[in-house]
Amino acid sequence: MNGYVQFETPEGDIVTVNADRVNFVRRYRGGNEASAINFEKGNYVVVAGTIDEVTRALAEG
């Protein structure tokens, strides 16, 4: 999947993210176990993983 990365949400669902559309990644409230991936127009999805893990996966995707 060129440019797409699969993540797991804190609830256990699988989410596929287009790495080219990501504006930034930030820590989601409640600790380091979840990160919010922000897209165009302020939309975001919460995924499991620290900021380092998520940004590394996006960079490799």
C-alpha atoms as a PDB file:
ATOM      1  CA  MET A   1       0.000   0.000   0.000  1.00  0.00           C
ATOM      2  CA  ASN A   2       1.978   2.927  -1.294  1.00  0.00           C
ATOM      3  CA  GLY A   3       1.750   5.845   1.155  1.00  0.00           C
ATOM      4  CA  TYR A   4      -0.826   4.171   3.386  1.00  0.00           C
ATOM      5  CA  VAL A   5      -0.108   2.975   6.928  1.00  0.00           C
ATOM      6  CA  GLN A   6      -2.325   0.810   9.126  1.00  0.00           C
ATOM      7  CA  PHE A   7      -2.771   1.661  12.789  1.00  0.00           C
ATOM      8  CA  GLU A   8      -4.843   0.274  15.608  1.00  0.00           C
ATOM      9  CA  THR A   9      -7.162   2.528  17.594  1.00  0.00           C
ATOM     10  CA  PRO A  10      -7.219   2.343  21.401  1.00  0.00           C
ATOM     11  CA  GLU A  11     -10.511   0.411  21.049  1.00  0.00           C
ATOM     12  CA  GLY A  12      -8.850  -2.205  18.826  1.00  0.00           C
ATOM     13  CA  ASP A  13     -10.200  -1.160  15.415  1.00  0.00           C
ATOM     14  CA  ILE A  14      -7.904  -1.005  12.383  1.00  0.00           C
ATOM     15  CA  VAL A  15      -7.511   2.379  10.647  1.00  0.00           C
ATOM     16  CA  THR A  16      -5.627   3.009   7.398  1.00  0.00           C
ATOM     17  CA  VAL A  17      -4.019   6.441   7.101  1.00  0.00           C
ATOM     18  CA  ASN A  18      -2.690   8.147   3.970  1.00  0.00           C
ATOM     19  CA  ALA A  19       0.678   9.439   5.170  1.00  0.00           C
ATOM     20  CA  ASP A  20       0.707  12.161   2.493  1.00  0.00           C
ATOM     21  CA  ARG A  21      -2.383  13.826   4.012  1.00  0.00           C
ATOM     22  CA  VAL A  22      -1.070  14.084   7.599  1.00  0.00           C
ATOM     23  CA  ASN A  23      -0.376  17.609   8.861  1.00  0.00           C
ATOM     24  CA  PHE A  24       0.969  16.725  12.301  1.00  0.00           C
ATOM     25  CA  VAL A  25       0.863  14.177  15.114  1.00  0.00           C
ATOM     26  CA  ARG A  26       0.273  15.098  18.735  1.00  0.00           C
ATOM     27  CA  ARG A  27      -0.118  13.297  22.023  1.00  0.00           C
ATOM     28  CA  TYR A  28      -3.732  12.508  22.751  1.00  0.00           C
ATOM     29  CA  ARG A  29      -5.016  13.416  26.201  1.00  0.00           C
ATOM     30  CA  GLY A  30      -4.724  10.787  28.862  1.00  0.00           C
ATOM     31  CA  GLY A  31      -1.087   9.807  28.563  1.00  0.00           C
ATOM     32  CA  ASN A  32       1.440   8.548  26.056  1.00  0.00           C
ATOM     33  CA  GLU A  33      -0.486   5.455  24.975  1.00  0.00           C
ATOM     34  CA  ALA A  34      -2.415   7.251  22.220  1.00  0.00           C
ATOM     35  CA  SER A  35      -1.638   9.816  19.539  1.00  0.00           C
ATOM     36  CA  ALA A  36      -3.885  12.027  17.424  1.00  0.00           C
ATOM     37  CA  ILE A  37      -3.085  12.172  13.712  1.00  0.00           C
ATOM     38  CA  ASN A  38      -4.312  15.487  12.270  1.00  0.00           C
ATOM     39  CA  PHE A  39      -5.460  15.751   8.654  1.00  0.00           C
ATOM     40  CA  GLU A  40      -6.467  18.621   6.413  1.00  0.00           C
ATOM     41  CA  LYS A  41      -9.274  20.863   7.694  1.00  0.00           C
ATOM     42  CA  GLY A  42      -8.683  19.923  11.349  1.00  0.00           C
ATOM     43  CA  ASN A  43      -9.965  16.350  11.183  1.00  0.00           C
ATOM     44  CA  TYR A  44      -8.095  13.804  13.243  1.00  0.00           C
ATOM     45  CA  VAL A  45      -8.079  10.142  14.197  1.00  0.00           C
ATOM     46  CA  VAL A  46      -6.814   8.709  17.475  1.00  0.00           C
ATOM     47  CA  VAL A  47      -4.461   5.740  17.200  1.00  0.00           C
ATOM     48  CA  ALA A  48      -2.643   3.589  19.732  1.00  0.00           C
ATOM     49  CA  GLY A  49       1.056   4.303  20.150  1.00  0.00           C
ATOM     50  CA  THR A  50       3.433   7.003  21.269  1.00  0.00           C
ATOM     51  CA  ILE A  51       4.278   9.991  19.099  1.00  0.00           C
ATOM     52  CA  ASP A  52       7.650   8.442  18.229  1.00  0.00           C
ATOM     53  CA  GLU A  53       6.087   5.139  17.138  1.00  0.00           C
ATOM     54  CA  VAL A  54       3.410   6.816  15.042  1.00  0.00           C
ATOM     55  CA  THR A  55       5.712   9.314  13.311  1.00  0.00           C
ATOM     56  CA  ARG A  56       8.253   6.572  12.567  1.00  0.00           C
ATOM     57  CA  ALA A  57       5.533   4.398  10.981  1.00  0.00           C
ATOM     58  CA  LEU A  58       4.274   7.345   8.913  1.00  0.00           C
ATOM     59  CA  ALA A  59       7.798   8.186   7.734  1.00  0.00           C
ATOM     60  CA  GLU A  60       8.365   4.598   6.620  1.00  0.00           C
ATOM     61  CA  GLY A  61       4.971   4.426   4.860  1.00  0.00           C
END
